[in-house]
């Protein structure tokens, strides 16, 4: 019952995220990947 809504939201999230990664005007200095790097780093260290 919740699968379709979840997949739709993941699809929108993926498209918007790719736009902010690959459109230069929205990714000044190409550093927007920091957001996902932060998530990965903090998830690996509870003391971060």
ModelCIF file with pLDDT and N, C-alpha, C, O atoms, coordinates in Angstrom:
data_MODEL
#
_entry.id   MODEL 
#
_entity.id                         1 
_entity.type                       polymer 
_entity.pdbx_number_of_molecules   1 
#
_entity_poly.entity_id                      1 
_entity_poly.type                           'polypeptide(L)' 
_entity_poly.nstd_linkage                   no 
_entity_poly.nstd_monomer                   no 
_entity_poly.pdbx_seq_one_letter_code       
;(UNK)(UNK)(UNK)(UNK)(UNK)(UNK)(UNK)(UNK)(UNK)(UNK)(UNK)(UNK)(UNK)(UNK)(UNK)(UNK)
(UNK)(UNK)(UNK)(UNK)(UNK)(UNK)(UNK)(UNK)(UNK)(UNK)(UNK)(UNK)(UNK)(UNK)(UNK)(UNK)
(UNK)(UNK)(UNK)(UNK)(UNK)(UNK)(UNK)(UNK)(UNK)(UNK)(UNK)(UNK)(UNK)(UNK)(UNK)(UNK)
;
_entity_poly.pdbx_seq_one_letter_code_can   XXXXXXXXXXXXXXXXXXXXXXXXXXXXXXXXXXXXXXXXXXXXXXXX 
_entity_poly.pdbx_strand_id                 A 
#
loop_
_entity_poly_seq.entity_id 
_entity_poly_seq.num 
_entity_poly_seq.mon_id 
_entity_poly_seq.hetero 
1 1  UNK n 
1 2  UNK n 
1 3  UNK n 
1 4  UNK n 
1 5  UNK n 
1 6  UNK n 
1 7  UNK n 
1 8  UNK n 
1 9  UNK n 
1 10 UNK n 
1 11 UNK n 
1 12 UNK n 
1 13 UNK n 
1 14 UNK n 
1 15 UNK n 
1 16 UNK n 
1 17 UNK n 
1 18 UNK n 
1 19 UNK n 
1 20 UNK n 
1 21 UNK n 
1 22 UNK n 
1 23 UNK n 
1 24 UNK n 
1 25 UNK n 
1 26 UNK n 
1 27 UNK n 
1 28 UNK n 
1 29 UNK n 
1 30 UNK n 
1 31 UNK n 
1 32 UNK n 
1 33 UNK n 
1 34 UNK n 
1 35 UNK n 
1 36 UNK n 
1 37 UNK n 
1 38 UNK n 
1 39 UNK n 
1 40 UNK n 
1 41 UNK n 
1 42 UNK n 
1 43 UNK n 
1 44 UNK n 
1 45 UNK n 
1 46 UNK n 
1 47 UNK n 
1 48 UNK n 
#
_struct_asym.id          A 
_struct_asym.entity_id   1 
#
loop_
_ma_qa_metric.id 
_ma_qa_metric.mode 
_ma_qa_metric.name 
_ma_qa_metric.software_group_id 
_ma_qa_metric.type 
1 global pLDDT . pLDDT 
2 local  pLDDT . pLDDT 
#
_ma_qa_metric_global.metric_id      1 
_ma_qa_metric_global.metric_value   85.48 
_ma_qa_metric_global.model_id       1 
_ma_qa_metric_global.ordinal_id     1 
#
loop_
_ma_qa_metric_local.label_asym_id 
_ma_qa_metric_local.label_comp_id 
_ma_qa_metric_local.label_seq_id 
_ma_qa_metric_local.metric_id 
_ma_qa_metric_local.metric_value 
_ma_qa_metric_local.model_id 
_ma_qa_metric_local.ordinal_id 
A UNK 1  2 89.00 1 1  
A UNK 2  2 91.00 1 2  
A UNK 3  2 93.00 1 3  
A UNK 4  2 93.00 1 4  
A UNK 5  2 93.00 1 5  
A UNK 6  2 95.00 1 6  
A UNK 7  2 96.00 1 7  
A UNK 8  2 95.00 1 8  
A UNK 9  2 96.00 1 9  
A UNK 10 2 96.00 1 10 
A UNK 11 2 96.00 1 11 
A UNK 12 2 96.00 1 12 
A UNK 13 2 96.00 1 13 
A UNK 14 2 96.00 1 14 
A UNK 15 2 97.00 1 15 
A UNK 16 2 96.00 1 16 
A UNK 17 2 96.00 1 17 
A UNK 18 2 96.00 1 18 
A UNK 19 2 96.00 1 19 
A UNK 20 2 95.00 1 20 
A UNK 21 2 94.00 1 21 
A UNK 22 2 94.00 1 22 
A UNK 23 2 93.00 1 23 
A UNK 24 2 92.00 1 24 
A UNK 25 2 91.00 1 25 
A UNK 26 2 92.00 1 26 
A UNK 27 2 93.00 1 27 
A UNK 28 2 89.00 1 28 
A UNK 29 2 89.00 1 29 
A UNK 30 2 88.00 1 30 
A UNK 31 2 91.00 1 31 
A UNK 32 2 92.00 1 32 
A UNK 33 2 90.00 1 33 
A UNK 34 2 88.00 1 34 
A UNK 35 2 88.00 1 35 
A UNK 36 2 88.00 1 36 
A UNK 37 2 84.00 1 37 
A UNK 38 2 79.00 1 38 
A UNK 39 2 76.00 1 39 
A UNK 40 2 72.00 1 40 
A UNK 41 2 68.00 1 41 
A UNK 42 2 63.00 1 42 
A UNK 43 2 58.00 1 43 
A UNK 44 2 55.00 1 44 
A UNK 45 2 53.00 1 45 
A UNK 46 2 49.00 1 46 
A UNK 47 2 49.00 1 47 
A UNK 48 2 48.00 1 48 
#
loop_
_atom_site.group_PDB 
_atom_site.id 
_atom_site.type_symbol 
_atom_site.label_atom_id 
_atom_site.label_alt_id 
_atom_site.label_comp_id 
_atom_site.label_asym_id 
_atom_site.label_entity_id 
_atom_site.label_seq_id 
_atom_site.pdbx_PDB_ins_code 
_atom_site.Cartn_x 
_atom_site.Cartn_y 
_atom_site.Cartn_z 
_atom_site.occupancy 
_atom_site.B_iso_or_equiv 
_atom_site.pdbx_formal_charge 
_atom_site.auth_seq_id 
_atom_site.auth_comp_id 
_atom_site.auth_asym_id 
_atom_site.auth_atom_id 
_atom_site.pdbx_PDB_model_num 
ATOM 1   N N  . UNK A 1 1  ? 0.805  -1.223 0.000   1.00 89.00 ? 1  UNK A N  1 
ATOM 2   C CA . UNK A 1 1  ? 0.000  0.000  0.000   1.00 89.00 ? 1  UNK A CA 1 
ATOM 3   C C  . UNK A 1 1  ? 0.839  1.274  0.000   1.00 89.00 ? 1  UNK A C  1 
ATOM 4   O O  . UNK A 1 1  ? 0.375  2.321  -0.451  1.00 89.00 ? 1  UNK A O  1 
ATOM 5   N N  . UNK A 1 2  ? 2.066  1.193  0.501   1.00 91.00 ? 2  UNK A N  1 
ATOM 6   C CA . UNK A 1 2  ? 2.903  2.389  0.567   1.00 91.00 ? 2  UNK A CA 1 
ATOM 7   C C  . UNK A 1 2  ? 4.031  2.375  -0.460  1.00 91.00 ? 2  UNK A C  1 
ATOM 8   O O  . UNK A 1 2  ? 4.782  3.344  -0.571  1.00 91.00 ? 2  UNK A O  1 
ATOM 9   N N  . UNK A 1 3  ? 4.154  1.282  -1.211  1.00 93.00 ? 3  UNK A N  1 
ATOM 10  C CA . UNK A 1 3  ? 5.299  1.136  -2.115  1.00 93.00 ? 3  UNK A CA 1 
ATOM 11  C C  . UNK A 1 3  ? 5.283  2.171  -3.233  1.00 93.00 ? 3  UNK A C  1 
ATOM 12  O O  . UNK A 1 3  ? 6.320  2.762  -3.533  1.00 93.00 ? 3  UNK A O  1 
ATOM 13  N N  . UNK A 1 4  ? 4.134  2.404  -3.851  1.00 93.00 ? 4  UNK A N  1 
ATOM 14  C CA . UNK A 1 4  ? 4.075  3.325  -4.990  1.00 93.00 ? 4  UNK A CA 1 
ATOM 15  C C  . UNK A 1 4  ? 4.447  4.748  -4.574  1.00 93.00 ? 4  UNK A C  1 
ATOM 16  O O  . UNK A 1 4  ? 5.209  5.416  -5.272  1.00 93.00 ? 4  UNK A O  1 
ATOM 17  N N  . UNK A 1 5  ? 3.916  5.212  -3.449  1.00 93.00 ? 5  UNK A N  1 
ATOM 18  C CA . UNK A 1 5  ? 4.240  6.561  -2.978  1.00 93.00 ? 5  UNK A CA 1 
ATOM 19  C C  . UNK A 1 5  ? 5.719  6.684  -2.644  1.00 93.00 ? 5  UNK A C  1 
ATOM 20  O O  . UNK A 1 5  ? 6.340  7.712  -2.913  1.00 93.00 ? 5  UNK A O  1 
ATOM 21  N N  . UNK A 1 6  ? 6.281  5.629  -2.057  1.00 95.00 ? 6  UNK A N  1 
ATOM 22  C CA . UNK A 1 6  ? 7.700  5.657  -1.690  1.00 95.00 ? 6  UNK A CA 1 
ATOM 23  C C  . UNK A 1 6  ? 8.586  5.697  -2.929  1.00 95.00 ? 6  UNK A C  1 
ATOM 24  O O  . UNK A 1 6  ? 9.542  6.471  -2.980  1.00 95.00 ? 6  UNK A O  1 
ATOM 25  N N  . UNK A 1 7  ? 8.283  4.882  -3.917  1.00 96.00 ? 7  UNK A N  1 
ATOM 26  C CA . UNK A 1 7  ? 9.068  4.881  -5.155  1.00 96.00 ? 7  UNK A CA 1 
ATOM 27  C C  . UNK A 1 7  ? 8.952  6.216  -5.883  1.00 96.00 ? 7  UNK A C  1 
ATOM 28  O O  . UNK A 1 7  ? 9.935  6.705  -6.439  1.00 96.00 ? 7  UNK A O  1 
ATOM 29  N N  . UNK A 1 8  ? 7.750  6.814  -5.883  1.00 95.00 ? 8  UNK A N  1 
ATOM 30  C CA . UNK A 1 8  ? 7.566  8.108  -6.544  1.00 95.00 ? 8  UNK A CA 1 
ATOM 31  C C  . UNK A 1 8  ? 8.409  9.184  -5.869  1.00 95.00 ? 8  UNK A C  1 
ATOM 32  O O  . UNK A 1 8  ? 9.043  9.995  -6.545  1.00 95.00 ? 8  UNK A O  1 
ATOM 33  N N  . UNK A 1 9  ? 8.418  9.194  -4.535  1.00 96.00 ? 9  UNK A N  1 
ATOM 34  C CA . UNK A 1 9  ? 9.203  10.204 -3.825  1.00 96.00 ? 9  UNK A CA 1 
ATOM 35  C C  . UNK A 1 9  ? 10.697 9.991  -4.038  1.00 96.00 ? 9  UNK A C  1 
ATOM 36  O O  . UNK A 1 9  ? 11.451 10.957 -4.162  1.00 96.00 ? 9  UNK A O  1 
ATOM 37  N N  . UNK A 1 10 ? 11.127 8.734  -4.082  1.00 96.00 ? 10 UNK A N  1 
ATOM 38  C CA . UNK A 1 10 ? 12.541 8.457  -4.352  1.00 96.00 ? 10 UNK A CA 1 
ATOM 39  C C  . UNK A 1 10 ? 12.925 8.911  -5.760  1.00 96.00 ? 10 UNK A C  1 
ATOM 40  O O  . UNK A 1 10 ? 14.032 9.408  -5.970  1.00 96.00 ? 10 UNK A O  1 
ATOM 41  N N  . UNK A 1 11 ? 12.007 8.741  -6.734  1.00 96.00 ? 11 UNK A N  1 
ATOM 42  C CA . UNK A 1 11 ? 12.278 9.189  -8.094  1.00 96.00 ? 11 UNK A CA 1 
ATOM 43  C C  . UNK A 1 11 ? 12.436 10.696 -8.167  1.00 96.00 ? 11 UNK A C  1 
ATOM 44  O O  . UNK A 1 11 ? 13.360 11.191 -8.812  1.00 96.00 ? 11 UNK A O  1 
ATOM 45  N N  . UNK A 1 12 ? 11.544 11.433 -7.512  1.00 96.00 ? 12 UNK A N  1 
ATOM 46  C CA . UNK A 1 12 ? 11.639 12.898 -7.495  1.00 96.00 ? 12 UNK A CA 1 
ATOM 47  C C  . UNK A 1 12 ? 12.935 13.331 -6.812  1.00 96.00 ? 12 UNK A C  1 
ATOM 48  O O  . UNK A 1 12 ? 13.634 14.225 -7.288  1.00 96.00 ? 12 UNK A O  1 
ATOM 49  N N  . UNK A 1 13 ? 13.240 12.686 -5.695  1.00 96.00 ? 13 UNK A N  1 
ATOM 50  C CA . UNK A 1 13 ? 14.467 13.020 -4.964  1.00 96.00 ? 13 UNK A CA 1 
ATOM 51  C C  . UNK A 1 13 ? 15.694 12.797 -5.833  1.00 96.00 ? 13 UNK A C  1 
ATOM 52  O O  . UNK A 1 13 ? 16.613 13.617 -5.828  1.00 96.00 ? 13 UNK A O  1 
ATOM 53  N N  . UNK A 1 14 ? 15.720 11.700 -6.578  1.00 96.00 ? 14 UNK A N  1 
ATOM 54  C CA . UNK A 1 14 ? 16.866 11.400 -7.427  1.00 96.00 ? 14 UNK A CA 1 
ATOM 55  C C  . UNK A 1 14 ? 17.024 12.440 -8.526  1.00 96.00 ? 14 UNK A C  1 
ATOM 56  O O  . UNK A 1 14 ? 18.133 12.912 -8.774  1.00 96.00 ? 14 UNK A O  1 
ATOM 57  N N  . UNK A 1 15 ? 15.929 12.803 -9.188  1.00 97.00 ? 15 UNK A N  1 
ATOM 58  C CA . UNK A 1 15 ? 15.994 13.777 -10.281 1.00 97.00 ? 15 UNK A CA 1 
ATOM 59  C C  . UNK A 1 15 ? 16.470 15.131 -9.769  1.00 97.00 ? 15 UNK A C  1 
ATOM 60  O O  . UNK A 1 15 ? 17.375 15.734 -10.348 1.00 97.00 ? 15 UNK A O  1 
ATOM 61  N N  . UNK A 1 16 ? 15.862 15.611 -8.684  1.00 96.00 ? 16 UNK A N  1 
ATOM 62  C CA . UNK A 1 16 ? 16.245 16.920 -8.141  1.00 96.00 ? 16 UNK A CA 1 
ATOM 63  C C  . UNK A 1 16 ? 17.703 16.902 -7.681  1.00 96.00 ? 16 UNK A C  1 
ATOM 64  O O  . UNK A 1 16 ? 18.432 17.870 -7.897  1.00 96.00 ? 16 UNK A O  1 
ATOM 65  N N  . UNK A 1 17 ? 18.126 15.820 -7.057  1.00 96.00 ? 17 UNK A N  1 
ATOM 66  C CA . UNK A 1 17 ? 19.510 15.725 -6.590  1.00 96.00 ? 17 UNK A CA 1 
ATOM 67  C C  . UNK A 1 17 ? 20.489 15.764 -7.756  1.00 96.00 ? 17 UNK A C  1 
ATOM 68  O O  . UNK A 1 17 ? 21.525 16.424 -7.680  1.00 96.00 ? 17 UNK A O  1 
ATOM 69  N N  . UNK A 1 18 ? 20.162 15.058 -8.833  1.00 96.00 ? 18 UNK A N  1 
ATOM 70  C CA . UNK A 1 18 ? 21.042 15.072 -10.005 1.00 96.00 ? 18 UNK A CA 1 
ATOM 71  C C  . UNK A 1 18 ? 21.121 16.466 -10.619 1.00 96.00 ? 18 UNK A C  1 
ATOM 72  O O  . UNK A 1 18 ? 22.181 16.877 -11.091 1.00 96.00 ? 18 UNK A O  1 
ATOM 73  N N  . UNK A 1 19 ? 20.006 17.195 -10.617 1.00 96.00 ? 19 UNK A N  1 
ATOM 74  C CA . UNK A 1 19 ? 20.013 18.568 -11.128 1.00 96.00 ? 19 UNK A CA 1 
ATOM 75  C C  . UNK A 1 19 ? 20.989 19.426 -10.330 1.00 96.00 ? 19 UNK A C  1 
ATOM 76  O O  . UNK A 1 19 ? 21.750 20.208 -10.900 1.00 96.00 ? 19 UNK A O  1 
ATOM 77  N N  . UNK A 1 20 ? 20.961 19.273 -9.003  1.00 95.00 ? 20 UNK A N  1 
ATOM 78  C CA . UNK A 1 20 ? 21.841 20.073 -8.154  1.00 95.00 ? 20 UNK A CA 1 
ATOM 79  C C  . UNK A 1 20 ? 23.284 19.575 -8.164  1.00 95.00 ? 20 UNK A C  1 
ATOM 80  O O  . UNK A 1 20 ? 24.176 20.234 -7.630  1.00 95.00 ? 20 UNK A O  1 
ATOM 81  N N  . UNK A 1 21 ? 23.509 18.426 -8.764  1.00 94.00 ? 21 UNK A N  1 
ATOM 82  C CA . UNK A 1 21 ? 24.882 17.942 -8.913  1.00 94.00 ? 21 UNK A CA 1 
ATOM 83  C C  . UNK A 1 21 ? 25.477 18.294 -10.272 1.00 94.00 ? 21 UNK A C  1 
ATOM 84  O O  . UNK A 1 21 ? 26.681 18.526 -10.378 1.00 94.00 ? 21 UNK A O  1 
ATOM 85  N N  . UNK A 1 22 ? 24.642 18.337 -11.316 1.00 94.00 ? 22 UNK A N  1 
ATOM 86  C CA . UNK A 1 22 ? 25.180 18.452 -12.673 1.00 94.00 ? 22 UNK A CA 1 
ATOM 87  C C  . UNK A 1 22 ? 24.819 19.742 -13.395 1.00 94.00 ? 22 UNK A C  1 
ATOM 88  O O  . UNK A 1 22 ? 25.293 19.953 -14.511 1.00 94.00 ? 22 UNK A O  1 
ATOM 89  N N  . UNK A 1 23 ? 24.005 20.611 -12.811 1.00 93.00 ? 23 UNK A N  1 
ATOM 90  C CA . UNK A 1 23 ? 23.749 21.925 -13.401 1.00 93.00 ? 23 UNK A CA 1 
ATOM 91  C C  . UNK A 1 23 ? 24.720 22.909 -12.758 1.00 93.00 ? 23 UNK A C  1 
ATOM 92  O O  . UNK A 1 23 ? 24.589 23.196 -11.568 1.00 93.00 ? 23 UNK A O  1 
ATOM 93  N N  . UNK A 1 24 ? 25.678 23.430 -13.496 1.00 92.00 ? 24 UNK A N  1 
ATOM 94  C CA . UNK A 1 24 ? 26.725 24.270 -12.897 1.00 92.00 ? 24 UNK A CA 1 
ATOM 95  C C  . UNK A 1 24 ? 26.191 25.463 -12.111 1.00 92.00 ? 24 UNK A C  1 
ATOM 96  O O  . UNK A 1 24 ? 26.740 25.811 -11.066 1.00 92.00 ? 24 UNK A O  1 
ATOM 97  N N  . UNK A 1 25 ? 25.125 26.093 -12.603 1.00 91.00 ? 25 UNK A N  1 
ATOM 98  C CA . UNK A 1 25 ? 24.593 27.278 -11.923 1.00 91.00 ? 25 UNK A CA 1 
ATOM 99  C C  . UNK A 1 25 ? 24.074 26.955 -10.529 1.00 91.00 ? 25 UNK A C  1 
ATOM 100 O O  . UNK A 1 25 ? 24.003 27.838 -9.674  1.00 91.00 ? 25 UNK A O  1 
ATOM 101 N N  . UNK A 1 26 ? 23.715 25.710 -10.295 1.00 92.00 ? 26 UNK A N  1 
ATOM 102 C CA . UNK A 1 26 ? 23.183 25.296 -8.991  1.00 92.00 ? 26 UNK A CA 1 
ATOM 103 C C  . UNK A 1 26 ? 24.227 24.581 -8.142  1.00 92.00 ? 26 UNK A C  1 
ATOM 104 O O  . UNK A 1 26 ? 23.960 24.226 -6.993  1.00 92.00 ? 26 UNK A O  1 
ATOM 105 N N  . UNK A 1 27 ? 25.401 24.371 -8.697  1.00 93.00 ? 27 UNK A N  1 
ATOM 106 C CA . UNK A 1 27 ? 26.454 23.654 -7.984  1.00 93.00 ? 27 UNK A CA 1 
ATOM 107 C C  . UNK A 1 27 ? 27.745 24.450 -8.059  1.00 93.00 ? 27 UNK A C  1 
ATOM 108 O O  . UNK A 1 27 ? 28.731 24.025 -8.660  1.00 93.00 ? 27 UNK A O  1 
ATOM 109 N N  . UNK A 1 28 ? 27.709 25.624 -7.427  1.00 89.00 ? 28 UNK A N  1 
ATOM 110 C CA . UNK A 1 28 ? 28.863 26.505 -7.436  1.00 89.00 ? 28 UNK A CA 1 
ATOM 111 C C  . UNK A 1 28 ? 30.084 25.800 -6.862  1.00 89.00 ? 28 UNK A C  1 
ATOM 112 O O  . UNK A 1 28 ? 30.028 25.203 -5.787  1.00 89.00 ? 28 UNK A O  1 
ATOM 113 N N  . UNK A 1 29 ? 31.177 25.881 -7.592  1.00 89.00 ? 29 UNK A N  1 
ATOM 114 C CA . UNK A 1 29 ? 32.449 25.259 -7.214  1.00 89.00 ? 29 UNK A CA 1 
ATOM 115 C C  . UNK A 1 29 ? 32.365 23.738 -7.136  1.00 89.00 ? 29 UNK A C  1 
ATOM 116 O O  . UNK A 1 29 ? 33.298 23.087 -6.667  1.00 89.00 ? 29 UNK A O  1 
ATOM 117 N N  . UNK A 1 30 ? 31.250 23.171 -7.596  1.00 88.00 ? 30 UNK A N  1 
ATOM 118 C CA . UNK A 1 30 ? 31.120 21.717 -7.664  1.00 88.00 ? 30 UNK A CA 1 
ATOM 119 C C  . UNK A 1 30 ? 31.177 21.004 -6.336  1.00 88.00 ? 30 UNK A C  1 
ATOM 120 O O  . UNK A 1 30 ? 31.648 19.869 -6.267  1.00 88.00 ? 30 UNK A O  1 
ATOM 121 N N  . UNK A 1 31 ? 30.702 21.650 -5.263  1.00 91.00 ? 31 UNK A N  1 
ATOM 122 C CA . UNK A 1 31 ? 30.855 21.086 -3.927  1.00 91.00 ? 31 UNK A CA 1 
ATOM 123 C C  . UNK A 1 31 ? 29.543 20.584 -3.317  1.00 91.00 ? 31 UNK A C  1 
ATOM 124 O O  . UNK A 1 31 ? 29.504 20.263 -2.129  1.00 91.00 ? 31 UNK A O  1 
ATOM 125 N N  . UNK A 1 32 ? 28.480 20.512 -4.104  1.00 92.00 ? 32 UNK A N  1 
ATOM 126 C CA . UNK A 1 32 ? 27.212 20.057 -3.523  1.00 92.00 ? 32 UNK A CA 1 
ATOM 127 C C  . UNK A 1 32 ? 27.234 18.605 -3.059  1.00 92.00 ? 32 UNK A C  1 
ATOM 128 O O  . UNK A 1 32 ? 26.387 18.185 -2.271  1.00 92.00 ? 32 UNK A O  1 
ATOM 129 N N  . UNK A 1 33 ? 28.204 17.843 -3.551  1.00 90.00 ? 33 UNK A N  1 
ATOM 130 C CA . UNK A 1 33 ? 28.313 16.446 -3.105  1.00 90.00 ? 33 UNK A CA 1 
ATOM 131 C C  . UNK A 1 33 ? 28.574 16.364 -1.603  1.00 90.00 ? 33 UNK A C  1 
ATOM 132 O O  . UNK A 1 33 ? 28.414 15.304 -0.998  1.00 90.00 ? 33 UNK A O  1 
ATOM 133 N N  . UNK A 1 34 ? 28.979 17.492 -0.999  1.00 88.00 ? 34 UNK A N  1 
ATOM 134 C CA . UNK A 1 34 ? 29.273 17.514 0.435   1.00 88.00 ? 34 UNK A CA 1 
ATOM 135 C C  . UNK A 1 34 ? 28.071 17.044 1.245   1.00 88.00 ? 34 UNK A C  1 
ATOM 136 O O  . UNK A 1 34 ? 28.232 16.409 2.288   1.00 88.00 ? 34 UNK A O  1 
ATOM 137 N N  . UNK A 1 35 ? 26.871 17.353 0.769   1.00 88.00 ? 35 UNK A N  1 
ATOM 138 C CA . UNK A 1 35 ? 25.668 16.945 1.499   1.00 88.00 ? 35 UNK A CA 1 
ATOM 139 C C  . UNK A 1 35 ? 25.647 15.433 1.707   1.00 88.00 ? 35 UNK A C  1 
ATOM 140 O O  . UNK A 1 35 ? 25.436 14.967 2.827   1.00 88.00 ? 35 UNK A O  1 
ATOM 141 N N  . UNK A 1 36 ? 25.859 14.674 0.657   1.00 88.00 ? 36 UNK A N  1 
ATOM 142 C CA . UNK A 1 36 ? 25.804 13.215 0.755   1.00 88.00 ? 36 UNK A CA 1 
ATOM 143 C C  . UNK A 1 36 ? 27.040 12.674 1.466   1.00 88.00 ? 36 UNK A C  1 
ATOM 144 O O  . UNK A 1 36 ? 26.971 11.651 2.148   1.00 88.00 ? 36 UNK A O  1 
ATOM 145 N N  . UNK A 1 37 ? 28.167 13.357 1.307   1.00 84.00 ? 37 UNK A N  1 
ATOM 146 C CA . UNK A 1 37 ? 29.370 12.955 2.037   1.00 84.00 ? 37 UNK A CA 1 
ATOM 147 C C  . UNK A 1 37 ? 29.173 13.139 3.536   1.00 84.00 ? 37 UNK A C  1 
ATOM 148 O O  . UNK A 1 37 ? 29.627 12.317 4.332   1.00 84.00 ? 37 UNK A O  1 
ATOM 149 N N  . UNK A 1 38 ? 28.490 14.229 3.922   1.00 79.00 ? 38 UNK A N  1 
ATOM 150 C CA . UNK A 1 38 ? 28.215 14.463 5.340   1.00 79.00 ? 38 UNK A CA 1 
ATOM 151 C C  . UNK A 1 38 ? 27.357 13.344 5.918   1.00 79.00 ? 38 UNK A C  1 
ATOM 152 O O  . UNK A 1 38 ? 27.627 12.839 7.008   1.00 79.00 ? 38 UNK A O  1 
ATOM 153 N N  . UNK A 1 39 ? 26.321 12.965 5.176   1.00 76.00 ? 39 UNK A N  1 
ATOM 154 C CA . UNK A 1 39 ? 25.431 11.899 5.651   1.00 76.00 ? 39 UNK A CA 1 
ATOM 155 C C  . UNK A 1 39 ? 26.216 10.612 5.869   1.00 76.00 ? 39 UNK A C  1 
ATOM 156 O O  . UNK A 1 39 ? 26.058 9.937  6.887   1.00 76.00 ? 39 UNK A O  1 
ATOM 157 N N  . UNK A 1 40 ? 27.056 10.287 4.906   1.00 72.00 ? 40 UNK A N  1 
ATOM 158 C CA . UNK A 1 40 ? 27.839 9.052  5.004   1.00 72.00 ? 40 UNK A CA 1 
ATOM 159 C C  . UNK A 1 40 ? 28.820 9.125  6.160   1.00 72.00 ? 40 UNK A C  1 
ATOM 160 O O  . UNK A 1 40 ? 28.967 8.168  6.921   1.00 72.00 ? 40 UNK A O  1 
ATOM 161 N N  . UNK A 1 41 ? 29.489 10.258 6.291   1.00 68.00 ? 41 UNK A N  1 
ATOM 162 C CA . UNK A 1 41 ? 30.512 10.397 7.330   1.00 68.00 ? 41 UNK A CA 1 
ATOM 163 C C  . UNK A 1 41 ? 29.906 10.335 8.722   1.00 68.00 ? 41 UNK A C  1 
ATOM 164 O O  . UNK A 1 41 ? 30.395 9.611  9.589   1.00 68.00 ? 41 UNK A O  1 
ATOM 165 N N  . UNK A 1 42 ? 28.835 11.099 8.932   1.00 63.00 ? 42 UNK A N  1 
ATOM 166 C CA . UNK A 1 42 ? 28.234 11.147 10.259  1.00 63.00 ? 42 UNK A CA 1 
ATOM 167 C C  . UNK A 1 42 ? 27.605 9.816  10.621  1.00 63.00 ? 42 UNK A C  1 
ATOM 168 O O  . UNK A 1 42 ? 27.615 9.422  11.787  1.00 63.00 ? 42 UNK A O  1 
ATOM 169 N N  . UNK A 1 43 ? 27.052 9.111  9.625   1.00 58.00 ? 43 UNK A N  1 
ATOM 170 C CA . UNK A 1 43 ? 26.465 7.809  9.915   1.00 58.00 ? 43 UNK A CA 1 
ATOM 171 C C  . UNK A 1 43 ? 27.517 6.797  10.340  1.00 58.00 ? 43 UNK A C  1 
ATOM 172 O O  . UNK A 1 43 ? 27.194 5.785  10.961  1.00 58.00 ? 43 UNK A O  1 
ATOM 173 N N  . UNK A 1 44 ? 28.766 7.066  10.008  1.00 55.00 ? 44 UNK A N  1 
ATOM 174 C CA . UNK A 1 44 ? 29.847 6.159  10.377  1.00 55.00 ? 44 UNK A CA 1 
ATOM 175 C C  . UNK A 1 44 ? 30.487 6.517  11.712  1.00 55.00 ? 44 UNK A C  1 
ATOM 176 O O  . UNK A 1 44 ? 31.275 5.739  12.250  1.00 55.00 ? 44 UNK A O  1 
ATOM 177 N N  . UNK A 1 45 ? 30.155 7.693  12.252  1.00 53.00 ? 45 UNK A N  1 
ATOM 178 C CA . UNK A 1 45 ? 30.780 8.117  13.499  1.00 53.00 ? 45 UNK A CA 1 
ATOM 179 C C  . UNK A 1 45 ? 29.769 8.823  14.374  1.00 53.00 ? 45 UNK A C  1 
ATOM 180 O O  . UNK A 1 45 ? 29.319 9.918  14.037  1.00 53.00 ? 45 UNK A O  1 
ATOM 181 N N  . UNK A 1 46 ? 29.399 8.212  15.501  1.00 49.00 ? 46 UNK A N  1 
ATOM 182 C CA . UNK A 1 46 ? 28.446 8.837  16.399  1.00 49.00 ? 46 UNK A CA 1 
ATOM 183 C C  . UNK A 1 46 ? 29.060 10.008 17.151  1.00 49.00 ? 46 UNK A C  1 
ATOM 184 O O  . UNK A 1 46 ? 28.343 10.751 17.821  1.00 49.00 ? 46 UNK A O  1 
ATOM 185 N N  . UNK A 1 47 ? 30.372 10.185 17.053  1.00 49.00 ? 47 UNK A N  1 
ATOM 186 C CA . UNK A 1 47 ? 31.032 11.295 17.722  1.00 49.00 ? 47 UNK A CA 1 
ATOM 187 C C  . UNK A 1 47 ? 31.289 12.471 16.781  1.00 49.00 ? 47 UNK A C  1 
ATOM 188 O O  . UNK A 1 47 ? 31.882 13.468 17.194  1.00 49.00 ? 47 UNK A O  1 
ATOM 189 N N  . UNK A 1 48 ? 30.858 12.374 15.537  1.00 48.00 ? 48 UNK A N  1 
ATOM 190 C CA . UNK A 1 48 ? 31.238 13.370 14.556  1.00 48.00 ? 48 UNK A CA 1 
ATOM 191 C C  . UNK A 1 48 ? 30.747 14.766 14.922  1.00 48.00 ? 48 UNK A C  1 
ATOM 192 O O  . UNK A 1 48 ? 30.993 15.720 14.185  1.00 48.00 ? 48 UNK A O  1 
#
